[in-house]
PDBML (XML) file of the C-alpha atoms, coordinates in Angstrom:
<?xml version="1.0" encoding="UTF-8" ?>
<PDBx:datablock datablockName="MODEL"
   xmlns:PDBx="http://pdbml.pdb.org/schema/pdbx-v50.xsd"
   xmlns:xsi="http://www.w3.org/2001/XMLSchema-instance"
   xsi:schemaLocation="http://pdbml.pdb.org/schema/pdbx-v50.xsd pdbx-v50.xsd">
   <PDBx:atom_siteCategory>
      <PDBx:atom_site id="1">
         <PDBx:B_iso_or_equiv>0.00</PDBx:B_iso_or_equiv>
         <PDBx:Cartn_x>127.606</PDBx:Cartn_x>
         <PDBx:Cartn_y>40.084</PDBx:Cartn_y>
         <PDBx:Cartn_z>71.971</PDBx:Cartn_z>
         <PDBx:auth_asym_id>A</PDBx:auth_asym_id>
         <PDBx:auth_atom_id>CA</PDBx:auth_atom_id>
         <PDBx:auth_comp_id>MET</PDBx:auth_comp_id>
         <PDBx:auth_seq_id>1</PDBx:auth_seq_id>
         <PDBx:group_PDB>ATOM</PDBx:group_PDB>
         <PDBx:label_alt_id xsi:nil="true" />
         <PDBx:label_asym_id>A</PDBx:label_asym_id>
         <PDBx:label_atom_id>CA</PDBx:label_atom_id>
         <PDBx:label_comp_id>MET</PDBx:label_comp_id>
         <PDBx:label_entity_id>1</PDBx:label_entity_id>
         <PDBx:label_seq_id>1</PDBx:label_seq_id>
         <PDBx:occupancy>1.00</PDBx:occupancy>
         <PDBx:pdbx_PDB_model_num>1</PDBx:pdbx_PDB_model_num>
         <PDBx:type_symbol>C</PDBx:type_symbol>
      </PDBx:atom_site>
      <PDBx:atom_site id="2">
         <PDBx:B_iso_or_equiv>0.00</PDBx:B_iso_or_equiv>
         <PDBx:Cartn_x>124.127</PDBx:Cartn_x>
         <PDBx:Cartn_y>38.834</PDBx:Cartn_y>
         <PDBx:Cartn_z>71.037</PDBx:Cartn_z>
         <PDBx:auth_asym_id>A</PDBx:auth_asym_id>
         <PDBx:auth_atom_id>CA</PDBx:auth_atom_id>
         <PDBx:auth_comp_id>TYR</PDBx:auth_comp_id>
         <PDBx:auth_seq_id>2</PDBx:auth_seq_id>
         <PDBx:group_PDB>ATOM</PDBx:group_PDB>
         <PDBx:label_alt_id xsi:nil="true" />
         <PDBx:label_asym_id>A</PDBx:label_asym_id>
         <PDBx:label_atom_id>CA</PDBx:label_atom_id>
         <PDBx:label_comp_id>TYR</PDBx:label_comp_id>
         <PDBx:label_entity_id>1</PDBx:label_entity_id>
         <PDBx:label_seq_id>2</PDBx:label_seq_id>
         <PDBx:occupancy>1.00</PDBx:occupancy>
         <PDBx:pdbx_PDB_model_num>1</PDBx:pdbx_PDB_model_num>
         <PDBx:type_symbol>C</PDBx:type_symbol>
      </PDBx:atom_site>
      <PDBx:atom_site id="3">
         <PDBx:B_iso_or_equiv>0.00</PDBx:B_iso_or_equiv>
         <PDBx:Cartn_x>125.248</PDBx:Cartn_x>
         <PDBx:Cartn_y>38.058</PDBx:Cartn_y>
         <PDBx:Cartn_z>67.494</PDBx:Cartn_z>
         <PDBx:auth_asym_id>A</PDBx:auth_asym_id>
         <PDBx:auth_atom_id>CA</PDBx:auth_atom_id>
         <PDBx:auth_comp_id>GLU</PDBx:auth_comp_id>
         <PDBx:auth_seq_id>3</PDBx:auth_seq_id>
         <PDBx:group_PDB>ATOM</PDBx:group_PDB>
         <PDBx:label_alt_id xsi:nil="true" />
         <PDBx:label_asym_id>A</PDBx:label_asym_id>
         <PDBx:label_atom_id>CA</PDBx:label_atom_id>
         <PDBx:label_comp_id>GLU</PDBx:label_comp_id>
         <PDBx:label_entity_id>1</PDBx:label_entity_id>
         <PDBx:label_seq_id>3</PDBx:label_seq_id>
         <PDBx:occupancy>1.00</PDBx:occupancy>
         <PDBx:pdbx_PDB_model_num>1</PDBx:pdbx_PDB_model_num>
         <PDBx:type_symbol>C</PDBx:type_symbol>
      </PDBx:atom_site>
      <PDBx:atom_site id="4">
         <PDBx:B_iso_or_equiv>0.00</PDBx:B_iso_or_equiv>
         <PDBx:Cartn_x>128.224</PDBx:Cartn_x>
         <PDBx:Cartn_y>36.169</PDBx:Cartn_y>
         <PDBx:Cartn_z>68.874</PDBx:Cartn_z>
         <PDBx:auth_asym_id>A</PDBx:auth_asym_id>
         <PDBx:auth_atom_id>CA</PDBx:auth_atom_id>
         <PDBx:auth_comp_id>LYS</PDBx:auth_comp_id>
         <PDBx:auth_seq_id>4</PDBx:auth_seq_id>
         <PDBx:group_PDB>ATOM</PDBx:group_PDB>
         <PDBx:label_alt_id xsi:nil="true" />
         <PDBx:label_asym_id>A</PDBx:label_asym_id>
         <PDBx:label_atom_id>CA</PDBx:label_atom_id>
         <PDBx:label_comp_id>LYS</PDBx:label_comp_id>
         <PDBx:label_entity_id>1</PDBx:label_entity_id>
         <PDBx:label_seq_id>4</PDBx:label_seq_id>
         <PDBx:occupancy>1.00</PDBx:occupancy>
         <PDBx:pdbx_PDB_model_num>1</PDBx:pdbx_PDB_model_num>
         <PDBx:type_symbol>C</PDBx:type_symbol>
      </PDBx:atom_site>
      <PDBx:atom_site id="5">
         <PDBx:B_iso_or_equiv>0.00</PDBx:B_iso_or_equiv>
         <PDBx:Cartn_x>125.679</PDBx:Cartn_x>
         <PDBx:Cartn_y>33.888</PDBx:Cartn_y>
         <PDBx:Cartn_z>70.576</PDBx:Cartn_z>
         <PDBx:auth_asym_id>A</PDBx:auth_asym_id>
         <PDBx:auth_atom_id>CA</PDBx:auth_atom_id>
         <PDBx:auth_comp_id>PHE</PDBx:auth_comp_id>
         <PDBx:auth_seq_id>5</PDBx:auth_seq_id>
         <PDBx:group_PDB>ATOM</PDBx:group_PDB>
         <PDBx:label_alt_id xsi:nil="true" />
         <PDBx:label_asym_id>A</PDBx:label_asym_id>
         <PDBx:label_atom_id>CA</PDBx:label_atom_id>
         <PDBx:label_comp_id>PHE</PDBx:label_comp_id>
         <PDBx:label_entity_id>1</PDBx:label_entity_id>
         <PDBx:label_seq_id>5</PDBx:label_seq_id>
         <PDBx:occupancy>1.00</PDBx:occupancy>
         <PDBx:pdbx_PDB_model_num>1</PDBx:pdbx_PDB_model_num>
         <PDBx:type_symbol>C</PDBx:type_symbol>
      </PDBx:atom_site>
      <PDBx:atom_site id="6">
         <PDBx:B_iso_or_equiv>0.00</PDBx:B_iso_or_equiv>
         <PDBx:Cartn_x>123.844</PDBx:Cartn_x>
         <PDBx:Cartn_y>33.503</PDBx:Cartn_y>
         <PDBx:Cartn_z>67.256</PDBx:Cartn_z>
         <PDBx:auth_asym_id>A</PDBx:auth_asym_id>
         <PDBx:auth_atom_id>CA</PDBx:auth_atom_id>
         <PDBx:auth_comp_id>GLU</PDBx:auth_comp_id>
         <PDBx:auth_seq_id>6</PDBx:auth_seq_id>
         <PDBx:group_PDB>ATOM</PDBx:group_PDB>
         <PDBx:label_alt_id xsi:nil="true" />
         <PDBx:label_asym_id>A</PDBx:label_asym_id>
         <PDBx:label_atom_id>CA</PDBx:label_atom_id>
         <PDBx:label_comp_id>GLU</PDBx:label_comp_id>
         <PDBx:label_entity_id>1</PDBx:label_entity_id>
         <PDBx:label_seq_id>6</PDBx:label_seq_id>
         <PDBx:occupancy>1.00</PDBx:occupancy>
         <PDBx:pdbx_PDB_model_num>1</PDBx:pdbx_PDB_model_num>
         <PDBx:type_symbol>C</PDBx:type_symbol>
      </PDBx:atom_site>
      <PDBx:atom_site id="7">
         <PDBx:B_iso_or_equiv>0.00</PDBx:B_iso_or_equiv>
         <PDBx:Cartn_x>120.901</PDBx:Cartn_x>
         <PDBx:Cartn_y>35.730</PDBx:Cartn_y>
         <PDBx:Cartn_z>68.047</PDBx:Cartn_z>
         <PDBx:auth_asym_id>A</PDBx:auth_asym_id>
         <PDBx:auth_atom_id>CA</PDBx:auth_atom_id>
         <PDBx:auth_comp_id>PHE</PDBx:auth_comp_id>
         <PDBx:auth_seq_id>7</PDBx:auth_seq_id>
         <PDBx:group_PDB>ATOM</PDBx:group_PDB>
         <PDBx:label_alt_id xsi:nil="true" />
         <PDBx:label_asym_id>A</PDBx:label_asym_id>
         <PDBx:label_atom_id>CA</PDBx:label_atom_id>
         <PDBx:label_comp_id>PHE</PDBx:label_comp_id>
         <PDBx:label_entity_id>1</PDBx:label_entity_id>
         <PDBx:label_seq_id>7</PDBx:label_seq_id>
         <PDBx:occupancy>1.00</PDBx:occupancy>
         <PDBx:pdbx_PDB_model_num>1</PDBx:pdbx_PDB_model_num>
         <PDBx:type_symbol>C</PDBx:type_symbol>
      </PDBx:atom_site>
      <PDBx:atom_site id="8">
         <PDBx:B_iso_or_equiv>0.00</PDBx:B_iso_or_equiv>
         <PDBx:Cartn_x>119.514</PDBx:Cartn_x>
         <PDBx:Cartn_y>36.858</PDBx:Cartn_y>
         <PDBx:Cartn_z>64.635</PDBx:Cartn_z>
         <PDBx:auth_asym_id>A</PDBx:auth_asym_id>
         <PDBx:auth_atom_id>CA</PDBx:auth_atom_id>
         <PDBx:auth_comp_id>LYS</PDBx:auth_comp_id>
         <PDBx:auth_seq_id>8</PDBx:auth_seq_id>
         <PDBx:group_PDB>ATOM</PDBx:group_PDB>
         <PDBx:label_alt_id xsi:nil="true" />
         <PDBx:label_asym_id>A</PDBx:label_asym_id>
         <PDBx:label_atom_id>CA</PDBx:label_atom_id>
         <PDBx:label_comp_id>LYS</PDBx:label_comp_id>
         <PDBx:label_entity_id>1</PDBx:label_entity_id>
         <PDBx:label_seq_id>8</PDBx:label_seq_id>
         <PDBx:occupancy>1.00</PDBx:occupancy>
         <PDBx:pdbx_PDB_model_num>1</PDBx:pdbx_PDB_model_num>
         <PDBx:type_symbol>C</PDBx:type_symbol>
      </PDBx:atom_site>
      <PDBx:atom_site id="9">
         <PDBx:B_iso_or_equiv>0.00</PDBx:B_iso_or_equiv>
         <PDBx:Cartn_x>117.980</PDBx:Cartn_x>
         <PDBx:Cartn_y>40.193</PDBx:Cartn_y>
         <PDBx:Cartn_z>63.764</PDBx:Cartn_z>
         <PDBx:auth_asym_id>A</PDBx:auth_asym_id>
         <PDBx:auth_atom_id>CA</PDBx:auth_atom_id>
         <PDBx:auth_comp_id>PHE</PDBx:auth_comp_id>
         <PDBx:auth_seq_id>9</PDBx:auth_seq_id>
         <PDBx:group_PDB>ATOM</PDBx:group_PDB>
         <PDBx:label_alt_id xsi:nil="true" />
         <PDBx:label_asym_id>A</PDBx:label_asym_id>
         <PDBx:label_atom_id>CA</PDBx:label_atom_id>
         <PDBx:label_comp_id>PHE</PDBx:label_comp_id>
         <PDBx:label_entity_id>1</PDBx:label_entity_id>
         <PDBx:label_seq_id>9</PDBx:label_seq_id>
         <PDBx:occupancy>1.00</PDBx:occupancy>
         <PDBx:pdbx_PDB_model_num>1</PDBx:pdbx_PDB_model_num>
         <PDBx:type_symbol>C</PDBx:type_symbol>
      </PDBx:atom_site>
      <PDBx:atom_site id="10">
         <PDBx:B_iso_or_equiv>0.00</PDBx:B_iso_or_equiv>
         <PDBx:Cartn_x>114.269</PDBx:Cartn_x>
         <PDBx:Cartn_y>39.753</PDBx:Cartn_y>
         <PDBx:Cartn_z>63.238</PDBx:Cartn_z>
         <PDBx:auth_asym_id>A</PDBx:auth_asym_id>
         <PDBx:auth_atom_id>CA</PDBx:auth_atom_id>
         <PDBx:auth_comp_id>ASP</PDBx:auth_comp_id>
         <PDBx:auth_seq_id>10</PDBx:auth_seq_id>
         <PDBx:group_PDB>ATOM</PDBx:group_PDB>
         <PDBx:label_alt_id xsi:nil="true" />
         <PDBx:label_asym_id>A</PDBx:label_asym_id>
         <PDBx:label_atom_id>CA</PDBx:label_atom_id>
         <PDBx:label_comp_id>ASP</PDBx:label_comp_id>
         <PDBx:label_entity_id>1</PDBx:label_entity_id>
         <PDBx:label_seq_id>10</PDBx:label_seq_id>
         <PDBx:occupancy>1.00</PDBx:occupancy>
         <PDBx:pdbx_PDB_model_num>1</PDBx:pdbx_PDB_model_num>
         <PDBx:type_symbol>C</PDBx:type_symbol>
      </PDBx:atom_site>
      <PDBx:atom_site id="11">
         <PDBx:B_iso_or_equiv>0.00</PDBx:B_iso_or_equiv>
         <PDBx:Cartn_x>112.868</PDBx:Cartn_x>
         <PDBx:Cartn_y>43.245</PDBx:Cartn_y>
         <PDBx:Cartn_z>62.703</PDBx:Cartn_z>
         <PDBx:auth_asym_id>A</PDBx:auth_asym_id>
         <PDBx:auth_atom_id>CA</PDBx:auth_atom_id>
         <PDBx:auth_comp_id>LYS</PDBx:auth_comp_id>
         <PDBx:auth_seq_id>11</PDBx:auth_seq_id>
         <PDBx:group_PDB>ATOM</PDBx:group_PDB>
         <PDBx:label_alt_id xsi:nil="true" />
         <PDBx:label_asym_id>A</PDBx:label_asym_id>
         <PDBx:label_atom_id>CA</PDBx:label_atom_id>
         <PDBx:label_comp_id>LYS</PDBx:label_comp_id>
         <PDBx:label_entity_id>1</PDBx:label_entity_id>
         <PDBx:label_seq_id>11</PDBx:label_seq_id>
         <PDBx:occupancy>1.00</PDBx:occupancy>
         <PDBx:pdbx_PDB_model_num>1</PDBx:pdbx_PDB_model_num>
         <PDBx:type_symbol>C</PDBx:type_symbol>
      </PDBx:atom_site>
      <PDBx:atom_site id="12">
         <PDBx:B_iso_or_equiv>0.00</PDBx:B_iso_or_equiv>
         <PDBx:Cartn_x>112.829</PDBx:Cartn_x>
         <PDBx:Cartn_y>46.827</PDBx:Cartn_y>
         <PDBx:Cartn_z>63.832</PDBx:Cartn_z>
         <PDBx:auth_asym_id>A</PDBx:auth_asym_id>
         <PDBx:auth_atom_id>CA</PDBx:auth_atom_id>
         <PDBx:auth_comp_id>LYS</PDBx:auth_comp_id>
         <PDBx:auth_seq_id>12</PDBx:auth_seq_id>
         <PDBx:group_PDB>ATOM</PDBx:group_PDB>
         <PDBx:label_alt_id xsi:nil="true" />
         <PDBx:label_asym_id>A</PDBx:label_asym_id>
         <PDBx:label_atom_id>CA</PDBx:label_atom_id>
         <PDBx:label_comp_id>LYS</PDBx:label_comp_id>
         <PDBx:label_entity_id>1</PDBx:label_entity_id>
         <PDBx:label_seq_id>12</PDBx:label_seq_id>
         <PDBx:occupancy>1.00</PDBx:occupancy>
         <PDBx:pdbx_PDB_model_num>1</PDBx:pdbx_PDB_model_num>
         <PDBx:type_symbol>C</PDBx:type_symbol>
      </PDBx:atom_site>
      <PDBx:atom_site id="13">
         <PDBx:B_iso_or_equiv>0.00</PDBx:B_iso_or_equiv>
         <PDBx:Cartn_x>109.894</PDBx:Cartn_x>
         <PDBx:Cartn_y>47.153</PDBx:Cartn_y>
         <PDBx:Cartn_z>66.302</PDBx:Cartn_z>
         <PDBx:auth_asym_id>A</PDBx:auth_asym_id>
         <PDBx:auth_atom_id>CA</PDBx:auth_atom_id>
         <PDBx:auth_comp_id>ILE</PDBx:auth_comp_id>
         <PDBx:auth_seq_id>13</PDBx:auth_seq_id>
         <PDBx:group_PDB>ATOM</PDBx:group_PDB>
         <PDBx:label_alt_id xsi:nil="true" />
         <PDBx:label_asym_id>A</PDBx:label_asym_id>
         <PDBx:label_atom_id>CA</PDBx:label_atom_id>
         <PDBx:label_comp_id>ILE</PDBx:label_comp_id>
         <PDBx:label_entity_id>1</PDBx:label_entity_id>
         <PDBx:label_seq_id>13</PDBx:label_seq_id>
         <PDBx:occupancy>1.00</PDBx:occupancy>
         <PDBx:pdbx_PDB_model_num>1</PDBx:pdbx_PDB_model_num>
         <PDBx:type_symbol>C</PDBx:type_symbol>
      </PDBx:atom_site>
      <PDBx:atom_site id="14">
         <PDBx:B_iso_or_equiv>0.00</PDBx:B_iso_or_equiv>
         <PDBx:Cartn_x>110.131</PDBx:Cartn_x>
         <PDBx:Cartn_y>50.795</PDBx:Cartn_y>
         <PDBx:Cartn_z>67.272</PDBx:Cartn_z>
         <PDBx:auth_asym_id>A</PDBx:auth_asym_id>
         <PDBx:auth_atom_id>CA</PDBx:auth_atom_id>
         <PDBx:auth_comp_id>LYS</PDBx:auth_comp_id>
         <PDBx:auth_seq_id>14</PDBx:auth_seq_id>
         <PDBx:group_PDB>ATOM</PDBx:group_PDB>
         <PDBx:label_alt_id xsi:nil="true" />
         <PDBx:label_asym_id>A</PDBx:label_asym_id>
         <PDBx:label_atom_id>CA</PDBx:label_atom_id>
         <PDBx:label_comp_id>LYS</PDBx:label_comp_id>
         <PDBx:label_entity_id>1</PDBx:label_entity_id>
         <PDBx:label_seq_id>14</PDBx:label_seq_id>
         <PDBx:occupancy>1.00</PDBx:occupancy>
         <PDBx:pdbx_PDB_model_num>1</PDBx:pdbx_PDB_model_num>
         <PDBx:type_symbol>C</PDBx:type_symbol>
      </PDBx:atom_site>
      <PDBx:atom_site id="15">
         <PDBx:B_iso_or_equiv>0.00</PDBx:B_iso_or_equiv>
         <PDBx:Cartn_x>111.995</PDBx:Cartn_x>
         <PDBx:Cartn_y>53.795</PDBx:Cartn_y>
         <PDBx:Cartn_z>66.038</PDBx:Cartn_z>
         <PDBx:auth_asym_id>A</PDBx:auth_asym_id>
         <PDBx:auth_atom_id>CA</PDBx:auth_atom_id>
         <PDBx:auth_comp_id>GLU</PDBx:auth_comp_id>
         <PDBx:auth_seq_id>15</PDBx:auth_seq_id>
         <PDBx:group_PDB>ATOM</PDBx:group_PDB>
         <PDBx:label_alt_id xsi:nil="true" />
         <PDBx:label_asym_id>A</PDBx:label_asym_id>
         <PDBx:label_atom_id>CA</PDBx:label_atom_id>
         <PDBx:label_comp_id>GLU</PDBx:label_comp_id>
         <PDBx:label_entity_id>1</PDBx:label_entity_id>
         <PDBx:label_seq_id>15</PDBx:label_seq_id>
         <PDBx:occupancy>1.00</PDBx:occupancy>
         <PDBx:pdbx_PDB_model_num>1</PDBx:pdbx_PDB_model_num>
         <PDBx:type_symbol>C</PDBx:type_symbol>
      </PDBx:atom_site>
      <PDBx:atom_site id="16">
         <PDBx:B_iso_or_equiv>0.00</PDBx:B_iso_or_equiv>
         <PDBx:Cartn_x>115.264</PDBx:Cartn_x>
         <PDBx:Cartn_y>52.775</PDBx:Cartn_y>
         <PDBx:Cartn_z>67.814</PDBx:Cartn_z>
         <PDBx:auth_asym_id>A</PDBx:auth_asym_id>
         <PDBx:auth_atom_id>CA</PDBx:auth_atom_id>
         <PDBx:auth_comp_id>ASN</PDBx:auth_comp_id>
         <PDBx:auth_seq_id>16</PDBx:auth_seq_id>
         <PDBx:group_PDB>ATOM</PDBx:group_PDB>
         <PDBx:label_alt_id xsi:nil="true" />
         <PDBx:label_asym_id>A</PDBx:label_asym_id>
         <PDBx:label_atom_id>CA</PDBx:label_atom_id>
         <PDBx:label_comp_id>ASN</PDBx:label_comp_id>
         <PDBx:label_entity_id>1</PDBx:label_entity_id>
         <PDBx:label_seq_id>16</PDBx:label_seq_id>
         <PDBx:occupancy>1.00</PDBx:occupancy>
         <PDBx:pdbx_PDB_model_num>1</PDBx:pdbx_PDB_model_num>
         <PDBx:type_symbol>C</PDBx:type_symbol>
      </PDBx:atom_site>
      <PDBx:atom_site id="17">
         <PDBx:B_iso_or_equiv>0.00</PDBx:B_iso_or_equiv>
         <PDBx:Cartn_x>114.497</PDBx:Cartn_x>
         <PDBx:Cartn_y>49.244</PDBx:Cartn_y>
         <PDBx:Cartn_z>69.005</PDBx:Cartn_z>
         <PDBx:auth_asym_id>A</PDBx:auth_asym_id>
         <PDBx:auth_atom_id>CA</PDBx:auth_atom_id>
         <PDBx:auth_comp_id>THR</PDBx:auth_comp_id>
         <PDBx:auth_seq_id>17</PDBx:auth_seq_id>
         <PDBx:group_PDB>ATOM</PDBx:group_PDB>
         <PDBx:label_alt_id xsi:nil="true" />
         <PDBx:label_asym_id>A</PDBx:label_asym_id>
         <PDBx:label_atom_id>CA</PDBx:label_atom_id>
         <PDBx:label_comp_id>THR</PDBx:label_comp_id>
         <PDBx:label_entity_id>1</PDBx:label_entity_id>
         <PDBx:label_seq_id>17</PDBx:label_seq_id>
         <PDBx:occupancy>1.00</PDBx:occupancy>
         <PDBx:pdbx_PDB_model_num>1</PDBx:pdbx_PDB_model_num>
         <PDBx:type_symbol>C</PDBx:type_symbol>
      </PDBx:atom_site>
      <PDBx:atom_site id="18">
         <PDBx:B_iso_or_equiv>0.00</PDBx:B_iso_or_equiv>
         <PDBx:Cartn_x>115.433</PDBx:Cartn_x>
         <PDBx:Cartn_y>46.022</PDBx:Cartn_y>
         <PDBx:Cartn_z>67.367</PDBx:Cartn_z>
         <PDBx:auth_asym_id>A</PDBx:auth_asym_id>
         <PDBx:auth_atom_id>CA</PDBx:auth_atom_id>
         <PDBx:auth_comp_id>LEU</PDBx:auth_comp_id>
         <PDBx:auth_seq_id>18</PDBx:auth_seq_id>
         <PDBx:group_PDB>ATOM</PDBx:group_PDB>
         <PDBx:label_alt_id xsi:nil="true" />
         <PDBx:label_asym_id>A</PDBx:label_asym_id>
         <PDBx:label_atom_id>CA</PDBx:label_atom_id>
         <PDBx:label_comp_id>LEU</PDBx:label_comp_id>
         <PDBx:label_entity_id>1</PDBx:label_entity_id>
         <PDBx:label_seq_id>18</PDBx:label_seq_id>
         <PDBx:occupancy>1.00</PDBx:occupancy>
         <PDBx:pdbx_PDB_model_num>1</PDBx:pdbx_PDB_model_num>
         <PDBx:type_symbol>C</PDBx:type_symbol>
      </PDBx:atom_site>
      <PDBx:atom_site id="19">
         <PDBx:B_iso_or_equiv>0.00</PDBx:B_iso_or_equiv>
         <PDBx:Cartn_x>114.028</PDBx:Cartn_x>
         <PDBx:Cartn_y>42.540</PDBx:Cartn_y>
         <PDBx:Cartn_z>67.930</PDBx:Cartn_z>
         <PDBx:auth_asym_id>A</PDBx:auth_asym_id>
         <PDBx:auth_atom_id>CA</PDBx:auth_atom_id>
         <PDBx:auth_comp_id>LEU</PDBx:auth_comp_id>
         <PDBx:auth_seq_id>19</PDBx:auth_seq_id>
         <PDBx:group_PDB>ATOM</PDBx:group_PDB>
         <PDBx:label_alt_id xsi:nil="true" />
         <PDBx:label_asym_id>A</PDBx:label_asym_id>
         <PDBx:label_atom_id>CA</PDBx:label_atom_id>
         <PDBx:label_comp_id>LEU</PDBx:label_comp_id>
         <PDBx:label_entity_id>1</PDBx:label_entity_id>
         <PDBx:label_seq_id>19</PDBx:label_seq_id>
         <PDBx:occupancy>1.00</PDBx:occupancy>
         <PDBx:pdbx_PDB_model_num>1</PDBx:pdbx_PDB_model_num>
         <PDBx:type_symbol>C</PDBx:type_symbol>
      </PDBx:atom_site>
      <PDBx:atom_site id="20">
         <PDBx:B_iso_or_equiv>0.00</PDBx:B_iso_or_equiv>
         <PDBx:Cartn_x>116.395</PDBx:Cartn_x>
         <PDBx:Cartn_y>39.577</PDBx:Cartn_y>
         <PDBx:Cartn_z>67.903</PDBx:Cartn_z>
         <PDBx:auth_asym_id>A</PDBx:auth_asym_id>
         <PDBx:auth_atom_id>CA</PDBx:auth_atom_id>
         <PDBx:auth_comp_id>TYR</PDBx:auth_comp_id>
         <PDBx:auth_seq_id>20</PDBx:auth_seq_id>
         <PDBx:group_PDB>ATOM</PDBx:group_PDB>
         <PDBx:label_alt_id xsi:nil="true" />
         <PDBx:label_asym_id>A</PDBx:label_asym_id>
         <PDBx:label_atom_id>CA</PDBx:label_atom_id>
         <PDBx:label_comp_id>TYR</PDBx:label_comp_id>
         <PDBx:label_entity_id>1</PDBx:label_entity_id>
         <PDBx:label_seq_id>20</PDBx:label_seq_id>
         <PDBx:occupancy>1.00</PDBx:occupancy>
         <PDBx:pdbx_PDB_model_num>1</PDBx:pdbx_PDB_model_num>
         <PDBx:type_symbol>C</PDBx:type_symbol>
      </PDBx:atom_site>
      <PDBx:atom_site id="21">
         <PDBx:B_iso_or_equiv>0.00</PDBx:B_iso_or_equiv>
         <PDBx:Cartn_x>115.728</PDBx:Cartn_x>
         <PDBx:Cartn_y>35.828</PDBx:Cartn_y>
         <PDBx:Cartn_z>68.247</PDBx:Cartn_z>
         <PDBx:auth_asym_id>A</PDBx:auth_asym_id>
         <PDBx:auth_atom_id>CA</PDBx:auth_atom_id>
         <PDBx:auth_comp_id>CYS</PDBx:auth_comp_id>
         <PDBx:auth_seq_id>21</PDBx:auth_seq_id>
         <PDBx:group_PDB>ATOM</PDBx:group_PDB>
         <PDBx:label_alt_id xsi:nil="true" />
         <PDBx:label_asym_id>A</PDBx:label_asym_id>
         <PDBx:label_atom_id>CA</PDBx:label_atom_id>
         <PDBx:label_comp_id>CYS</PDBx:label_comp_id>
         <PDBx:label_entity_id>1</PDBx:label_entity_id>
         <PDBx:label_seq_id>21</PDBx:label_seq_id>
         <PDBx:occupancy>1.00</PDBx:occupancy>
         <PDBx:pdbx_PDB_model_num>1</PDBx:pdbx_PDB_model_num>
         <PDBx:type_symbol>C</PDBx:type_symbol>
      </PDBx:atom_site>
      <PDBx:atom_site id="22">
         <PDBx:B_iso_or_equiv>0.00</PDBx:B_iso_or_equiv>
         <PDBx:Cartn_x>117.844</PDBx:Cartn_x>
         <PDBx:Cartn_y>32.848</PDBx:Cartn_y>
         <PDBx:Cartn_z>69.078</PDBx:Cartn_z>
         <PDBx:auth_asym_id>A</PDBx:auth_asym_id>
         <PDBx:auth_atom_id>CA</PDBx:auth_atom_id>
         <PDBx:auth_comp_id>LEU</PDBx:auth_comp_id>
         <PDBx:auth_seq_id>22</PDBx:auth_seq_id>
         <PDBx:group_PDB>ATOM</PDBx:group_PDB>
         <PDBx:label_alt_id xsi:nil="true" />
         <PDBx:label_asym_id>A</PDBx:label_asym_id>
         <PDBx:label_atom_id>CA</PDBx:label_atom_id>
         <PDBx:label_comp_id>LEU</PDBx:label_comp_id>
         <PDBx:label_entity_id>1</PDBx:label_entity_id>
         <PDBx:label_seq_id>22</PDBx:label_seq_id>
         <PDBx:occupancy>1.00</PDBx:occupancy>
         <PDBx:pdbx_PDB_model_num>1</PDBx:pdbx_PDB_model_num>
         <PDBx:type_symbol>C</PDBx:type_symbol>
      </PDBx:atom_site>
      <PDBx:atom_site id="23">
         <PDBx:B_iso_or_equiv>0.00</PDBx:B_iso_or_equiv>
         <PDBx:Cartn_x>116.857</PDBx:Cartn_x>
         <PDBx:Cartn_y>29.410</PDBx:Cartn_y>
         <PDBx:Cartn_z>67.862</PDBx:Cartn_z>
         <PDBx:auth_asym_id>A</PDBx:auth_asym_id>
         <PDBx:auth_atom_id>CA</PDBx:auth_atom_id>
         <PDBx:auth_comp_id>ASN</PDBx:auth_comp_id>
         <PDBx:auth_seq_id>23</PDBx:auth_seq_id>
         <PDBx:group_PDB>ATOM</PDBx:group_PDB>
         <PDBx:label_alt_id xsi:nil="true" />
         <PDBx:label_asym_id>A</PDBx:label_asym_id>
         <PDBx:label_atom_id>CA</PDBx:label_atom_id>
         <PDBx:label_comp_id>ASN</PDBx:label_comp_id>
         <PDBx:label_entity_id>1</PDBx:label_entity_id>
         <PDBx:label_seq_id>23</PDBx:label_seq_id>
         <PDBx:occupancy>1.00</PDBx:occupancy>
         <PDBx:pdbx_PDB_model_num>1</PDBx:pdbx_PDB_model_num>
         <PDBx:type_symbol>C</PDBx:type_symbol>
      </PDBx:atom_site>
      <PDBx:atom_site id="24">
         <PDBx:B_iso_or_equiv>0.00</PDBx:B_iso_or_equiv>
         <PDBx:Cartn_x>118.185</PDBx:Cartn_x>
         <PDBx:Cartn_y>27.330</PDBx:Cartn_y>
         <PDBx:Cartn_z>70.770</PDBx:Cartn_z>
         <PDBx:auth_asym_id>A</PDBx:auth_asym_id>
         <PDBx:auth_atom_id>CA</PDBx:auth_atom_id>
         <PDBx:auth_comp_id>MET</PDBx:auth_comp_id>
         <PDBx:auth_seq_id>24</PDBx:auth_seq_id>
         <PDBx:group_PDB>ATOM</PDBx:group_PDB>
         <PDBx:label_alt_id xsi:nil="true" />
         <PDBx:label_asym_id>A</PDBx:label_asym_id>
         <PDBx:label_atom_id>CA</PDBx:label_atom_id>
         <PDBx:label_comp_id>MET</PDBx:label_comp_id>
         <PDBx:label_entity_id>1</PDBx:label_entity_id>
         <PDBx:label_seq_id>24</PDBx:label_seq_id>
         <PDBx:occupancy>1.00</PDBx:occupancy>
         <PDBx:pdbx_PDB_model_num>1</PDBx:pdbx_PDB_model_num>
         <PDBx:type_symbol>C</PDBx:type_symbol>
      </PDBx:atom_site>
   </PDBx:atom_siteCategory>
</PDBx:datablock>
């Protein structure tokens, strides 16, 4: 769903946690 809204993967910040960012 996040990728459908154009959130882009930024980096892995913890063992199982991903950071995403959306340029509005």
